[in-house]
Amino acid sequence: MRAFRQSNFPLASPRASLRRPGGGGRAFTLIELIFVLALLAITALFVVASMGSFFRGRALNFEARRLLSLTHYAQSRAVSEGVPVILWVNPATSTYGIAVQSSFNEPDGDARAVTYATDPSLTLETPTDVVGLVSEQDDEKLGLTTEGLASIRFTPDGFFDDSSVSKITIRQGTGAGLELVPAATRLAYEIRPVSNVD
């Protein structure tokens, strides 16, 4: 006689049930799927709108931080090279940059001069009463190649000139804005929200 060995595993039934564990074999209807898709579309619209303002705000912050870091670079360059360095701003073209004062330049110009253009959604503003840099005796211009533009002049001792612009404002449309102003110690510049005080 032959002995049959029994398995501990149950045999699969020929008809496997695909029902839910709760027993109700009901699926989503077409109306329920359309309703869920409509909710997802509405949520996506709100997310896209808020993300747009988020990225616009990031452009404003990025530009303000880049301008602030450029003041640190100009200041350290003036000290390390022992020459006045000019940070200039052109509100008409929304550009800014730094260069060694031209009377201290090499004959070919400043090889390490830097120029930046702002994001198209941003504008630069400076006070309208900006005067050109002149010598202490008021008898000659200080060799600023960007004549008539607002500027900050960093001297070799690490300070900035009194004739430097009092603030540089970066605006995003007609809404938010940040400004670059001298710190209370007058040793560096800082970023703050736009104020109407000069």
Protein backbone atom coordinates (compact mmCIF):
# COMPACT_ATOMS: atom_id res chain seq x y z
CA MET A 1 0.00 0.00 0.00
CA ARG A 2 1.01 3.38 -0.82
CA ALA A 3 0.90 6.15 1.82
CA PHE A 4 -0.21 9.55 0.77
CA ARG A 5 1.44 12.47 2.37
CA GLN A 6 -0.85 15.29 3.40
CA SER A 7 0.18 18.91 2.92
CA ASN A 8 -0.34 21.52 5.59
CA PHE A 9 -1.28 24.10 2.94
CA PRO A 10 -4.89 24.35 1.84
CA LEU A 11 -5.61 23.82 -1.78
CA ALA A 12 -6.57 26.87 -3.80
CA SER A 13 -10.14 26.90 -4.87
CA PRO A 14 -10.67 27.07 -8.60
CA ARG A 15 -12.63 30.29 -8.24
CA ALA A 16 -10.58 32.83 -6.28
CA SER A 17 -12.67 35.58 -4.80
CA LEU A 18 -11.65 39.17 -5.53
CA ARG A 19 -13.97 40.72 -3.00
CA ARG A 20 -13.03 43.18 -0.32
CA PRO A 21 -12.37 41.76 3.13
CA GLY A 22 -15.52 43.46 4.43
CA GLY A 23 -17.60 41.49 2.02
CA GLY A 24 -19.17 44.33 -0.02
CA GLY A 25 -17.94 43.77 -3.58
CA ARG A 26 -18.61 47.37 -4.66
CA ALA A 27 -16.08 49.53 -6.62
CA PHE A 28 -15.87 53.27 -7.35
CA THR A 29 -18.47 54.65 -9.72
CA LEU A 30 -17.63 56.96 -12.59
CA ILE A 31 -19.24 59.92 -10.79
CA GLU A 32 -17.08 59.34 -7.71
CA LEU A 33 -13.93 59.26 -9.86
CA ILE A 34 -14.90 62.49 -11.63
CA PHE A 35 -15.58 64.15 -8.26
CA VAL A 36 -12.15 63.14 -6.93
CA LEU A 37 -10.43 64.40 -10.10
CA ALA A 38 -12.27 67.73 -9.83
CA LEU A 39 -11.10 68.11 -6.22
CA LEU A 40 -7.52 67.36 -7.26
CA ALA A 41 -7.71 69.94 -10.07
CA ILE A 42 -9.01 72.65 -7.70
CA THR A 43 -6.28 71.85 -5.17
CA ALA A 44 -3.64 72.00 -7.91
CA LEU A 45 -4.85 75.49 -8.93
CA PHE A 46 -4.41 76.79 -5.38
CA VAL A 47 -0.98 75.19 -5.07
CA VAL A 48 0.22 76.65 -8.38
CA ALA A 49 -0.95 80.15 -7.39
CA SER A 50 0.80 80.03 -4.03
CA MET A 51 3.96 78.52 -5.51
CA GLY A 52 4.11 81.35 -8.06
CA SER A 53 4.18 83.96 -5.30
CA PHE A 54 6.72 81.82 -3.43
CA PHE A 55 9.12 81.81 -6.39
CA ARG A 56 8.62 85.53 -6.99
CA GLY A 57 9.51 86.17 -3.36
CA ARG A 58 12.59 84.01 -3.75
CA ALA A 59 13.78 86.13 -6.69
CA LEU A 60 13.52 89.26 -4.53
CA ASN A 61 15.39 87.64 -1.64
CA PHE A 62 18.06 86.23 -3.95
CA GLU A 63 18.72 89.61 -5.56
CA ALA A 64 18.91 91.40 -2.20
CA ARG A 65 21.35 88.82 -0.85
CA ARG A 66 23.48 89.01 -3.99
CA LEU A 67 23.66 92.80 -3.69
CA LEU A 68 24.55 92.52 0.00
CA SER A 69 27.29 89.97 -0.69
CA LEU A 70 28.63 92.27 -3.42
CA THR A 71 29.04 95.04 -0.81
CA HIS A 72 31.08 92.63 1.35
CA TYR A 73 33.17 91.66 -1.67
CA ALA A 74 33.77 95.30 -2.66
CA GLN A 75 34.70 96.20 0.90
CA SER A 76 37.16 93.32 1.31
CA ARG A 77 38.63 93.98 -2.12
CA ALA A 78 39.21 97.65 -1.27
CA VAL A 79 41.05 96.64 1.91
CA SER A 80 43.09 93.81 0.40
CA GLU A 81 44.16 95.74 -2.73
CA GLY A 82 44.52 99.12 -1.01
CA VAL A 83 42.45 100.99 -3.61
CA PRO A 84 38.97 102.54 -3.59
CA VAL A 85 36.31 100.21 -5.01
CA ILE A 86 33.03 101.54 -6.41
CA LEU A 87 29.74 99.64 -6.24
CA TRP A 88 27.55 101.31 -8.88
CA VAL A 89 23.82 100.97 -9.55
CA ASN A 90 22.00 101.81 -12.78
CA PRO A 91 18.23 101.91 -12.05
CA ALA A 92 17.39 102.59 -15.72
CA THR A 93 18.73 99.22 -16.89
CA SER A 94 18.36 97.38 -13.53
CA THR A 95 22.06 96.54 -13.46
CA TYR A 96 24.75 96.92 -10.82
CA GLY A 97 28.37 95.97 -10.32
CA ILE A 98 31.73 96.83 -8.84
CA ALA A 99 34.97 98.17 -10.25
CA VAL A 100 38.16 99.72 -8.93
CA GLN A 101 38.02 103.50 -9.10
CA SER A 102 39.31 104.31 -12.58
CA SER A 103 42.16 106.57 -11.48
CA PHE A 104 43.65 103.56 -9.63
CA ASN A 105 43.07 101.08 -12.46
CA GLU A 106 45.45 99.36 -14.75
CA PRO A 107 45.64 101.04 -18.19
CA ASP A 108 43.40 98.32 -19.66
CA GLY A 109 40.75 98.73 -16.96
CA ASP A 110 39.71 96.58 -14.04
CA ALA A 111 40.08 92.92 -15.05
CA ARG A 112 38.07 91.80 -12.00
CA ALA A 113 35.13 94.16 -12.50
CA VAL A 114 31.73 92.52 -12.04
CA THR A 115 28.33 93.41 -13.53
CA TYR A 116 24.96 91.84 -12.71
CA ALA A 117 21.48 92.28 -14.17
CA THR A 118 18.42 91.79 -11.98
CA ASP A 119 15.56 89.38 -12.61
CA PRO A 120 13.12 90.88 -15.18
CA SER A 121 10.39 91.09 -12.53
CA LEU A 122 12.54 93.34 -10.30
CA THR A 123 13.42 97.02 -10.43
CA LEU A 124 16.17 99.00 -8.71
CA GLU A 125 15.57 102.41 -7.14
CA THR A 126 17.94 104.93 -5.59
CA PRO A 127 17.26 108.33 -4.00
CA THR A 128 16.82 111.06 -6.60
CA ASP A 129 19.21 113.50 -4.91
CA VAL A 130 22.30 111.44 -5.81
CA VAL A 131 25.36 113.56 -6.53
CA GLY A 132 28.50 112.47 -8.30
CA LEU A 133 31.60 111.65 -6.28
CA VAL A 134 34.06 114.53 -6.05
CA SER A 135 37.33 115.03 -4.23
CA GLU A 136 37.50 116.44 -0.69
CA GLN A 137 38.29 119.86 -2.14
CA ASP A 138 35.27 119.57 -4.49
CA ASP A 139 37.52 120.38 -7.42
CA GLU A 140 37.61 117.13 -9.39
CA LYS A 141 35.64 113.99 -10.02
CA LEU A 142 37.01 110.88 -8.39
CA GLY A 143 37.51 108.95 -11.60
CA LEU A 144 34.20 107.14 -11.53
CA THR A 145 33.68 105.65 -14.98
CA THR A 146 29.96 105.19 -14.38
CA GLU A 147 29.26 108.94 -14.38
CA GLY A 148 25.89 110.02 -13.03
CA LEU A 149 24.98 106.65 -11.50
CA ALA A 150 24.26 106.00 -7.86
CA SER A 151 27.26 104.44 -6.17
CA ILE A 152 28.87 103.33 -2.93
CA ARG A 153 32.58 104.08 -2.63
CA PHE A 154 34.56 101.75 -0.35
CA THR A 155 37.88 103.22 0.77
CA PRO A 156 41.06 101.22 1.47
CA ASP A 157 40.51 101.52 5.23
CA GLY A 158 37.31 99.42 4.90
CA PHE A 159 34.76 102.20 5.40
CA PHE A 160 32.41 103.68 2.83
CA ASP A 161 32.43 107.30 1.76
CA ASP A 162 29.89 109.83 3.09
CA SER A 163 28.97 110.67 -0.49
CA SER A 164 27.76 107.10 -1.03
CA VAL A 165 24.10 106.52 -1.79
CA SER A 166 21.95 106.27 1.37
CA LYS A 167 19.91 103.27 0.20
CA ILE A 168 19.28 100.98 -2.75
CA THR A 169 15.74 99.64 -3.07
CA ILE A 170 14.84 96.42 -4.88
CA ARG A 171 11.14 96.15 -5.75
CA GLN A 172 9.01 93.42 -7.20
CA GLY A 173 6.33 95.16 -9.23
CA THR A 174 4.31 97.51 -7.07
CA GLY A 175 4.26 95.15 -4.12
CA ALA A 176 7.02 93.92 -1.87
CA GLY A 177 10.44 95.42 -1.67
CA LEU A 178 13.72 95.23 0.21
CA GLU A 179 16.35 97.90 0.67
CA LEU A 180 20.08 97.92 1.24
CA VAL A 181 21.01 100.53 3.86
CA PRO A 182 24.04 101.30 6.05
CA ALA A 183 24.01 99.43 9.35
CA ALA A 184 23.72 101.41 12.59
CA THR A 185 27.48 101.05 13.15
CA ARG A 186 28.18 102.39 9.63
CA LEU A 187 30.74 99.61 9.17
CA ALA A 188 28.70 97.62 6.64
CA TYR A 189 25.34 97.43 4.88
CA GLU A 190 22.25 95.43 5.80
CA ILE A 191 18.95 94.36 4.22
CA ARG A 192 15.60 95.48 5.61
CA PRO A 193 12.01 95.71 4.38
CA VAL A 194 11.17 98.87 2.47
CA SER A 195 10.38 101.89 4.60
CA ASN A 196 9.43 105.42 3.57
CA VAL A 197 12.07 106.96 5.82
CA ASP A 198 15.20 108.36 4.13
